[in-house]
Amino acid sequence: MPDPIALAIVAESLALRQSHAHASARDVLDLVMQGRQGRLLDFGEQMLPPAPFALLVAEAVGDHMSAAEWEAFTGPKADTSLRATLQLQYALNVWPKFLERYGVS
């Protein structure tokens, strides 16, 4: 289960992204993550696409797939095998970039 700090990061990031649509995903996360480095955080299912926070992270770290592609290929209408494979790839290749950039684990 996600912890309260992780849930606050998710909520603040998504709210800021919505209220400041012109801001880049990286700028949004840079602002929200200020002062939250060096913590052990459990984001639960928020760390895997198609969760909106996971899509924001993919965009922020400059992943080769767009947020729209992640959503399409991991969403409820996606093939279950493809979804599982891509979620594993996300966990192995995208999420570590977020952890490294913001110094969280």
Protein backbone atom coordinates (compact mmCIF):
# COMPACT_ATOMS: atom_id res chain seq x y z
CA MET A 1 0.00 0.00 0.00
CA PRO A 2 1.38 3.42 -0.91
CA ASP A 3 2.58 5.57 1.96
CA PRO A 4 1.18 9.05 2.69
CA ILE A 5 4.24 10.90 1.38
CA ALA A 6 4.11 9.01 -1.92
CA LEU A 7 0.38 9.66 -2.21
CA ALA A 8 0.98 13.37 -1.57
CA ILE A 9 3.64 13.43 -4.30
CA VAL A 10 1.24 11.78 -6.72
CA ALA A 11 -1.63 14.13 -5.88
CA GLU A 12 0.51 17.26 -6.00
CA SER A 13 2.16 16.24 -9.26
CA LEU A 14 -1.11 15.50 -11.02
CA ALA A 15 -2.76 18.67 -9.70
CA LEU A 16 0.18 20.82 -10.76
CA ARG A 17 0.27 19.16 -14.17
CA GLN A 18 -3.42 19.92 -14.63
CA SER A 19 -3.25 23.52 -13.40
CA HIS A 20 -0.05 24.29 -15.34
CA ALA A 21 -0.48 22.28 -18.53
CA HIS A 22 2.16 24.42 -20.24
CA ALA A 23 4.86 23.22 -17.80
CA SER A 24 6.95 20.25 -18.80
CA ALA A 25 6.52 16.98 -16.93
CA ARG A 26 10.12 17.27 -15.75
CA ASP A 27 9.52 20.77 -14.35
CA VAL A 28 6.42 19.53 -12.52
CA LEU A 29 8.29 16.66 -10.88
CA ASP A 30 11.34 18.81 -10.15
CA LEU A 31 9.13 21.22 -8.22
CA VAL A 32 7.10 18.61 -6.38
CA MET A 33 10.13 16.52 -5.44
CA GLN A 34 12.07 19.40 -3.88
CA GLY A 35 13.04 18.46 -0.34
CA ARG A 36 11.81 14.89 -0.72
CA GLN A 37 15.10 13.26 -1.64
CA GLY A 38 16.66 10.48 0.37
CA ARG A 39 13.42 8.86 1.42
CA LEU A 40 12.11 5.37 1.06
CA LEU A 41 8.77 5.77 -0.71
CA ASP A 42 6.17 3.19 -1.68
CA PHE A 43 4.14 4.38 -4.65
CA GLY A 44 2.23 1.12 -4.98
CA GLU A 45 0.35 0.80 -8.25
CA GLN A 46 0.91 4.50 -8.97
CA MET A 47 4.37 3.55 -10.24
CA LEU A 48 3.08 1.41 -13.12
CA PRO A 49 1.32 2.50 -16.29
CA PRO A 50 -1.44 3.20 -17.04
CA ALA A 51 -1.56 5.12 -13.73
CA PRO A 52 -1.46 8.85 -14.57
CA PHE A 53 1.53 9.42 -12.29
CA ALA A 54 3.51 6.68 -14.06
CA LEU A 55 2.70 8.32 -17.40
CA LEU A 56 3.92 11.66 -16.05
CA VAL A 57 7.15 10.01 -14.91
CA ALA A 58 7.70 8.41 -18.33
CA GLU A 59 7.30 11.80 -19.97
CA ALA A 60 9.54 13.52 -17.42
CA VAL A 61 12.45 11.11 -17.83
CA GLY A 62 12.25 11.25 -21.62
CA ASP A 63 11.27 7.67 -22.26
CA HIS A 64 11.23 6.48 -25.88
CA MET A 65 7.49 5.74 -25.64
CA SER A 66 5.09 8.62 -25.22
CA ALA A 67 2.60 8.79 -22.37
CA ALA A 68 -0.16 8.09 -24.91
CA GLU A 69 1.62 4.94 -26.09
CA TRP A 70 2.16 3.72 -22.53
CA GLU A 71 -1.51 4.33 -21.79
CA ALA A 72 -2.68 2.56 -24.94
CA PHE A 73 -0.46 -0.48 -24.50
CA THR A 74 -1.02 -0.92 -20.75
CA GLY A 75 -4.60 0.30 -20.37
CA PRO A 76 -7.68 -1.83 -19.76
CA LYS A 77 -8.18 -2.59 -23.46
CA ALA A 78 -4.60 -3.74 -24.00
CA ASP A 79 -3.66 -7.36 -24.44
CA THR A 80 -2.92 -8.76 -20.98
CA SER A 81 0.41 -10.32 -22.02
CA LEU A 82 1.54 -7.11 -23.67
CA ARG A 83 0.47 -5.10 -20.61
CA ALA A 84 2.43 -7.34 -18.25
CA THR A 85 5.52 -7.25 -20.46
CA LEU A 86 5.45 -3.49 -20.83
CA GLN A 87 4.84 -2.92 -17.13
CA LEU A 88 7.90 -5.04 -16.42
CA GLN A 89 9.91 -3.01 -18.95
CA TYR A 90 8.67 0.19 -17.31
CA ALA A 91 9.72 -1.07 -13.87
CA LEU A 92 13.16 -2.04 -15.19
CA ASN A 93 13.90 0.89 -17.50
CA VAL A 94 11.76 3.94 -16.71
CA TRP A 95 11.12 3.87 -12.97
CA PRO A 96 14.84 3.61 -12.05
CA LYS A 97 15.46 6.89 -13.90
CA PHE A 98 12.90 8.59 -11.64
CA LEU A 99 14.46 7.05 -8.53
CA GLU A 100 17.94 8.15 -9.58
CA ARG A 101 16.96 11.67 -10.61
CA TYR A 102 15.11 12.40 -7.38
CA GLY A 103 17.23 10.38 -4.97
CA VAL A 104 14.43 8.24 -3.64
CA SER A 105 14.17 4.52 -3.23
